Amino acid sequence: MAEGGWVVLGAAIGTIGSVATTLLNAWLTKNKPDYFDQRAMSVLKAILTDSKDPWHSIQRLSRVVGLKDEHTRQLLLLIGARGHESGSGGWALISRVGTKIEQTDNVQVSEG
């Protein structure tokens, strides 16, 4: 009967250890920024800050950082950029273009 108690105790310790390891790993991963995303965000912000034209195509920005368009869009949102309301694929920093939606059809997006 004593052996059964040790089995239960061992199973309980194993389960608690496994859950604790999973929670600790999730917490450490969540708080640790991805180095490559941080670098890509720095490059994107520099492009959108330093150029004469505030609007840049998502294709160009994705090529520059070597990421797919969807991932690039996520990073652009994190750095404070927004897409053009016309759906042209242009992106710019909100600090440069604001959030007001303009009613215009003539949009020039830098492909440079």
Protein backbone atom coordinates (compact mmCIF):
# COMPACT_ATOMS: atom_id res chain seq x y z
CA MET A 1 0.00 0.00 0.00
CA ALA A 2 2.89 2.36 0.71
CA GLU A 3 4.18 1.88 -2.84
CA GLY A 4 0.87 3.19 -4.21
CA GLY A 5 1.30 6.40 -2.22
CA TRP A 6 4.75 6.96 -3.73
CA VAL A 7 3.35 6.42 -7.22
CA VAL A 8 0.62 9.02 -6.63
CA LEU A 9 3.12 11.45 -5.12
CA GLY A 10 5.49 10.99 -8.07
CA ALA A 11 2.68 11.52 -10.57
CA ALA A 12 1.56 14.67 -8.76
CA ILE A 13 5.10 16.10 -8.69
CA GLY A 14 5.53 15.29 -12.38
CA THR A 15 2.25 16.96 -13.30
CA ILE A 16 2.96 20.09 -11.24
CA GLY A 17 6.47 20.31 -12.69
CA SER A 18 5.17 20.00 -16.23
CA VAL A 19 2.51 22.68 -15.76
CA ALA A 20 4.97 25.01 -14.01
CA THR A 21 7.50 24.59 -16.83
CA THR A 22 4.86 25.34 -19.47
CA LEU A 23 3.68 28.47 -17.65
CA LEU A 24 7.22 29.72 -17.06
CA ASN A 25 8.14 29.18 -20.72
CA ALA A 26 5.02 31.05 -21.89
CA TRP A 27 5.74 33.97 -19.54
CA LEU A 28 9.39 34.24 -20.58
CA THR A 29 8.53 34.04 -24.29
CA LYS A 30 5.77 36.65 -24.00
CA ASN A 31 8.00 39.24 -22.34
CA LYS A 32 10.98 38.67 -24.62
CA PRO A 33 10.74 40.73 -27.84
CA ASP A 34 11.70 38.99 -31.05
CA TYR A 35 15.07 40.38 -32.15
CA PHE A 36 14.35 40.14 -35.88
CA ASP A 37 10.95 41.83 -35.59
CA GLN A 38 12.55 44.65 -33.60
CA ARG A 39 15.18 45.13 -36.31
CA ALA A 40 12.57 45.05 -39.08
CA MET A 41 10.48 47.63 -37.21
CA SER A 42 13.51 49.90 -36.90
CA VAL A 43 14.14 49.70 -40.65
CA LEU A 44 10.49 50.33 -41.48
CA LYS A 45 10.29 53.32 -39.15
CA ALA A 46 13.48 54.79 -40.63
CA ILE A 47 12.12 54.50 -44.17
CA LEU A 48 8.78 56.05 -43.26
CA THR A 49 10.40 58.83 -41.23
CA ASP A 50 13.29 59.87 -43.47
CA SER A 51 11.75 59.92 -46.95
CA LYS A 52 10.24 62.99 -48.64
CA ASP A 53 7.06 61.14 -49.60
CA PRO A 54 5.24 59.82 -46.52
CA TRP A 55 3.40 57.04 -48.41
CA HIS A 56 5.16 53.80 -49.42
CA SER A 57 3.78 50.65 -50.99
CA ILE A 58 3.43 47.54 -48.86
CA GLN A 59 5.25 45.57 -51.56
CA ARG A 60 8.31 47.83 -51.35
CA LEU A 61 8.34 47.82 -47.55
CA SER A 62 8.01 44.02 -47.49
CA ARG A 63 10.88 43.62 -49.95
CA VAL A 64 13.12 45.88 -47.90
CA VAL A 65 12.69 43.86 -44.69
CA GLY A 66 12.36 40.50 -46.43
CA LEU A 67 8.99 39.59 -44.95
CA LYS A 68 5.59 38.65 -46.34
CA ASP A 69 3.08 41.48 -46.74
CA GLU A 70 0.89 40.29 -43.84
CA HIS A 71 3.78 40.19 -41.36
CA THR A 72 4.99 43.58 -42.57
CA ARG A 73 1.49 45.04 -42.02
CA GLN A 74 1.51 43.79 -38.44
CA LEU A 75 4.89 45.40 -37.77
CA LEU A 76 3.75 48.64 -39.41
CA LEU A 77 0.79 48.83 -37.04
CA LEU A 78 3.12 48.27 -34.09
CA ILE A 79 5.33 51.22 -35.08
CA GLY A 80 2.36 53.54 -35.46
CA ALA A 81 1.70 53.43 -39.19
CA ARG A 82 -1.56 53.18 -41.06
CA GLY A 83 -2.67 52.16 -44.50
CA HIS A 84 -4.07 54.61 -47.02
CA GLU A 85 -7.85 54.77 -47.04
CA SER A 86 -8.01 54.36 -50.82
CA GLY A 87 -6.79 50.78 -50.59
CA SER A 88 -3.81 51.62 -52.80
CA GLY A 89 -1.45 49.62 -50.61
CA GLY A 90 0.27 52.75 -49.33
CA TRP A 91 1.48 52.98 -45.73
CA ALA A 92 2.69 55.99 -43.73
CA LEU A 93 3.39 56.92 -40.12
CA ILE A 94 0.37 58.39 -38.36
CA SER A 95 2.68 61.06 -36.92
CA ARG A 96 3.28 62.28 -40.51
CA VAL A 97 -0.17 61.94 -42.09
CA GLY A 98 -2.57 61.93 -39.14
CA THR A 99 -5.69 59.87 -38.84
CA LYS A 100 -8.10 62.07 -40.78
CA ILE A 101 -9.53 60.28 -43.79
CA GLU A 102 -9.20 62.36 -46.93
CA GLN A 103 -11.72 62.15 -49.75
CA THR A 104 -9.30 62.02 -52.67
CA ASP A 105 -8.79 59.68 -55.58
CA ASN A 106 -5.30 60.85 -56.54
CA VAL A 107 -2.88 58.92 -54.37
CA GLN A 108 0.78 58.61 -55.16
CA VAL A 109 2.63 55.78 -53.51
CA SER A 110 6.41 55.71 -53.65
CA GLU A 111 7.82 52.55 -55.23
CA GLY A 112 11.39 53.94 -55.19
